[in-house]
Amino acid sequence: MSMQHKMVDRQDVLDGEFRAFKRKAFKPERQLNVRFSGEDGVNNGGLTREFLQLAMKALSQLSIFTGGRADRGYNLSLDYKG
C-alpha cells in the first residue's frame, strides 16, 4: 500500500485537513504520512496519530456539535438561522 504525504500547520489543522482531503489525488484507503510545517520529524506513526488527535479535538470544538463528555458524546446540531 502506498503512502500519501500530507504537510500540516499545527496552528490550523482543520484547514490543512480539508485542503488535503479535497485533492483529487487523495485516496482514503492509502496510509497517511504526516509532517508538520516547519518541523523536522520522521513519521513512524506518531505524527499521524498526533495529527488525528489534533484534528478530532479541533472538530469537536466546532459549533456544529452540541453536548460533550458529560452528555456521553457529541451530537450534530442544526443552525436553522444559518
N, C-alpha and C. Protein backbone atom coordinates (compact mmCIF):
# COMPACT_ATOMS: atom_id res chain seq x y z
N MET A 1 0.85 -1.18 0.00
CA MET A 1 0.00 0.00 0.00
C MET A 1 0.89 1.23 0.00
N SER A 2 0.66 2.15 -0.92
CA SER A 2 1.49 3.34 -0.99
C SER A 2 0.99 4.40 -0.01
N MET A 3 1.88 5.32 0.32
CA MET A 3 1.56 6.38 1.27
C MET A 3 1.24 7.67 0.53
N GLN A 4 0.47 8.51 1.17
CA GLN A 4 0.26 9.85 0.66
C GLN A 4 0.76 10.82 1.71
N HIS A 5 1.59 11.75 1.27
CA HIS A 5 2.22 12.69 2.19
C HIS A 5 1.32 13.90 2.41
N LYS A 6 1.35 14.40 3.62
CA LYS A 6 0.47 15.50 3.99
C LYS A 6 1.23 16.45 4.90
N MET A 7 1.36 17.71 4.49
CA MET A 7 2.02 18.74 5.28
C MET A 7 0.92 19.51 6.03
N VAL A 8 1.09 19.62 7.35
CA VAL A 8 0.05 20.21 8.19
C VAL A 8 0.64 21.32 9.04
N ASP A 9 -0.11 22.41 9.18
CA ASP A 9 0.26 23.51 10.06
C ASP A 9 -0.45 23.29 11.40
N ARG A 10 0.31 23.20 12.46
CA ARG A 10 -0.28 22.97 13.80
C ARG A 10 -1.29 24.04 14.19
N GLN A 11 -1.11 25.26 13.70
CA GLN A 11 -1.98 26.36 14.08
C GLN A 11 -3.33 26.31 13.37
N ASP A 12 -3.41 25.54 12.29
CA ASP A 12 -4.68 25.45 11.54
C ASP A 12 -4.82 24.05 10.96
N VAL A 13 -4.96 23.08 11.84
CA VAL A 13 -5.03 21.67 11.46
C VAL A 13 -6.22 21.41 10.53
N LEU A 14 -7.36 21.99 10.82
CA LEU A 14 -8.55 21.72 10.02
C LEU A 14 -8.42 22.24 8.59
N ASP A 15 -7.81 23.40 8.42
CA ASP A 15 -7.62 23.93 7.07
C ASP A 15 -6.76 22.98 6.26
N GLY A 16 -5.66 22.53 6.84
CA GLY A 16 -4.79 21.59 6.14
C GLY A 16 -5.48 20.28 5.84
N GLU A 17 -6.27 19.84 6.78
CA GLU A 17 -7.01 18.59 6.62
C GLU A 17 -8.01 18.70 5.48
N PHE A 18 -8.82 19.75 5.49
CA PHE A 18 -9.83 19.92 4.46
C PHE A 18 -9.21 20.09 3.07
N ARG A 19 -8.12 20.87 2.99
CA ARG A 19 -7.46 21.06 1.69
C ARG A 19 -6.92 19.73 1.16
N ALA A 20 -6.27 18.96 2.03
CA ALA A 20 -5.70 17.68 1.60
C ALA A 20 -6.78 16.69 1.17
N PHE A 21 -7.86 16.62 1.92
CA PHE A 21 -8.91 15.66 1.62
C PHE A 21 -9.69 16.03 0.35
N LYS A 22 -9.65 17.29 -0.06
CA LYS A 22 -10.35 17.73 -1.27
C LYS A 22 -9.55 17.46 -2.54
N ARG A 23 -8.26 17.19 -2.40
CA ARG A 23 -7.43 16.96 -3.58
C ARG A 23 -7.89 15.71 -4.32
N LYS A 24 -7.83 15.79 -5.65
CA LYS A 24 -8.22 14.64 -6.46
C LYS A 24 -7.33 13.44 -6.19
N ALA A 25 -6.08 13.69 -5.81
CA ALA A 25 -5.13 12.61 -5.57
C ALA A 25 -5.35 11.91 -4.23
N PHE A 26 -6.21 12.48 -3.36
CA PHE A 26 -6.44 11.87 -2.05
C PHE A 26 -7.20 10.56 -2.20
N LYS A 27 -6.68 9.53 -1.58
CA LYS A 27 -7.31 8.22 -1.57
C LYS A 27 -7.46 7.78 -0.13
N PRO A 28 -8.68 7.67 0.41
CA PRO A 28 -8.87 7.34 1.82
C PRO A 28 -8.33 5.97 2.22
N GLU A 29 -8.14 5.09 1.25
CA GLU A 29 -7.63 3.76 1.58
C GLU A 29 -6.10 3.72 1.70
N ARG A 30 -5.44 4.79 1.32
CA ARG A 30 -3.97 4.84 1.42
C ARG A 30 -3.54 5.36 2.78
N GLN A 31 -2.37 4.94 3.21
CA GLN A 31 -1.82 5.35 4.50
C GLN A 31 -1.35 6.80 4.45
N LEU A 32 -1.66 7.56 5.51
CA LEU A 32 -1.21 8.95 5.61
C LEU A 32 0.22 9.00 6.14
N ASN A 33 0.97 9.96 5.67
CA ASN A 33 2.30 10.23 6.18
C ASN A 33 2.34 11.73 6.48
N VAL A 34 2.16 12.10 7.72
CA VAL A 34 2.00 13.50 8.12
C VAL A 34 3.34 14.11 8.51
N ARG A 35 3.53 15.36 8.09
CA ARG A 35 4.65 16.18 8.55
C ARG A 35 4.05 17.52 8.96
N PHE A 36 4.57 18.08 10.04
CA PHE A 36 4.12 19.39 10.49
C PHE A 36 5.02 20.46 9.91
N SER A 37 4.42 21.52 9.39
CA SER A 37 5.16 22.62 8.76
C SER A 37 6.21 23.18 9.71
N GLY A 38 7.41 23.37 9.19
CA GLY A 38 8.48 23.97 9.97
C GLY A 38 9.11 23.07 11.00
N GLU A 39 8.78 21.80 11.00
CA GLU A 39 9.32 20.86 11.98
C GLU A 39 10.02 19.71 11.29
N ASP A 40 11.13 19.30 11.86
CA ASP A 40 11.78 18.09 11.39
C ASP A 40 11.16 16.92 12.13
N GLY A 41 11.01 15.86 11.47
CA GLY A 41 10.46 14.69 12.14
C GLY A 41 10.18 13.59 11.14
N VAL A 42 10.42 12.39 11.54
CA VAL A 42 10.14 11.23 10.70
C VAL A 42 8.87 10.59 11.23
N ASN A 43 7.94 10.34 10.32
CA ASN A 43 6.67 9.78 10.72
C ASN A 43 6.74 8.26 10.75
N ASN A 44 6.84 7.73 11.94
CA ASN A 44 6.76 6.28 12.13
C ASN A 44 5.41 5.93 12.74
N GLY A 45 4.43 6.79 12.52
CA GLY A 45 3.09 6.58 13.06
C GLY A 45 2.73 7.60 14.12
N GLY A 46 3.72 8.11 14.83
CA GLY A 46 3.45 9.06 15.91
C GLY A 46 2.92 10.39 15.42
N LEU A 47 3.46 10.91 14.32
CA LEU A 47 2.99 12.20 13.80
C LEU A 47 1.57 12.08 13.25
N THR A 48 1.27 10.97 12.60
CA THR A 48 -0.09 10.76 12.10
C THR A 48 -1.07 10.66 13.25
N ARG A 49 -0.68 9.93 14.30
CA ARG A 49 -1.54 9.83 15.49
C ARG A 49 -1.77 11.20 16.11
N GLU A 50 -0.69 11.98 16.23
CA GLU A 50 -0.81 13.32 16.80
C GLU A 50 -1.71 14.20 15.94
N PHE A 51 -1.54 14.12 14.62
CA PHE A 51 -2.39 14.89 13.71
C PHE A 51 -3.86 14.52 13.90
N LEU A 52 -4.16 13.22 13.96
CA LEU A 52 -5.54 12.78 14.12
C LEU A 52 -6.13 13.22 15.45
N GLN A 53 -5.32 13.21 16.51
CA GLN A 53 -5.78 13.70 17.82
C GLN A 53 -6.08 15.20 17.76
N LEU A 54 -5.18 15.97 17.13
CA LEU A 54 -5.40 17.42 17.00
C LEU A 54 -6.63 17.71 16.13
N ALA A 55 -6.79 16.94 15.06
CA ALA A 55 -7.94 17.14 14.18
C ALA A 55 -9.25 16.82 14.90
N MET A 56 -9.29 15.74 15.65
CA MET A 56 -10.52 15.39 16.38
C MET A 56 -10.84 16.43 17.43
N LYS A 57 -9.83 16.95 18.11
CA LYS A 57 -10.05 17.99 19.11
C LYS A 57 -10.60 19.25 18.43
N ALA A 58 -10.01 19.63 17.30
CA ALA A 58 -10.47 20.82 16.58
C ALA A 58 -11.89 20.62 16.07
N LEU A 59 -12.19 19.44 15.53
CA LEU A 59 -13.55 19.16 15.06
C LEU A 59 -14.58 19.23 16.19
N SER A 60 -14.21 18.70 17.35
CA SER A 60 -15.16 18.68 18.47
C SER A 60 -15.46 20.07 19.00
N GLN A 61 -14.61 21.05 18.68
CA GLN A 61 -14.82 22.41 19.15
C GLN A 61 -15.62 23.27 18.16
N LEU A 62 -15.97 22.70 17.01
CA LEU A 62 -16.76 23.44 16.04
C LEU A 62 -18.19 23.60 16.54
N SER A 63 -18.86 24.63 16.09
CA SER A 63 -20.22 24.90 16.54
C SER A 63 -21.24 23.94 15.93
N ILE A 64 -20.80 23.03 15.09
CA ILE A 64 -21.75 22.07 14.50
C ILE A 64 -22.09 20.95 15.47
N PHE A 65 -21.39 20.90 16.62
CA PHE A 65 -21.64 19.87 17.60
C PHE A 65 -22.22 20.46 18.88
N THR A 66 -23.08 19.70 19.52
CA THR A 66 -23.60 20.07 20.83
C THR A 66 -23.31 18.92 21.78
N GLY A 67 -23.41 19.18 23.04
CA GLY A 67 -23.17 18.13 24.03
C GLY A 67 -21.72 18.11 24.46
N GLY A 68 -21.30 17.01 25.00
CA GLY A 68 -19.94 16.87 25.46
C GLY A 68 -19.79 15.61 26.27
N ARG A 69 -18.67 15.48 26.93
CA ARG A 69 -18.41 14.26 27.69
C ARG A 69 -19.46 14.00 28.76
N ALA A 70 -19.93 15.03 29.40
CA ALA A 70 -20.94 14.85 30.44
C ALA A 70 -22.24 14.30 29.84
N ASP A 71 -22.47 14.59 28.57
CA ASP A 71 -23.68 14.13 27.88
C ASP A 71 -23.46 12.80 27.17
N ARG A 72 -22.35 12.15 27.43
CA ARG A 72 -21.98 10.87 26.80
C ARG A 72 -21.70 11.00 25.33
N GLY A 73 -21.23 12.13 24.90
CA GLY A 73 -20.85 12.26 23.49
C GLY A 73 -21.33 13.56 22.88
N TYR A 74 -21.02 13.69 21.61
CA TYR A 74 -21.39 14.89 20.87
C TYR A 74 -22.45 14.54 19.85
N ASN A 75 -23.28 15.51 19.53
CA ASN A 75 -24.32 15.35 18.53
C ASN A 75 -24.17 16.47 17.52
N LEU A 76 -24.50 16.18 16.26
CA LEU A 76 -24.52 17.24 15.26
C LEU A 76 -25.70 18.15 15.58
N SER A 77 -25.49 19.43 15.39
CA SER A 77 -26.58 20.37 15.62
C SER A 77 -26.94 21.07 14.31
N LEU A 78 -28.14 21.55 14.22
CA LEU A 78 -28.60 22.25 13.05
C LEU A 78 -28.86 23.70 13.42
N ASP A 79 -28.18 24.59 12.71
CA ASP A 79 -28.39 26.02 12.93
C ASP A 79 -29.41 26.48 11.88
N TYR A 80 -30.68 26.44 12.24
CA TYR A 80 -31.73 26.77 11.29
C TYR A 80 -31.74 28.24 10.91
N LYS A 81 -31.04 29.08 11.66
CA LYS A 81 -30.94 30.51 11.33
C LYS A 81 -29.80 30.77 10.37
N GLY A 82 -28.89 29.79 10.23
CA GLY A 82 -27.70 29.94 9.38
C GLY A 82 -28.05 29.83 7.96
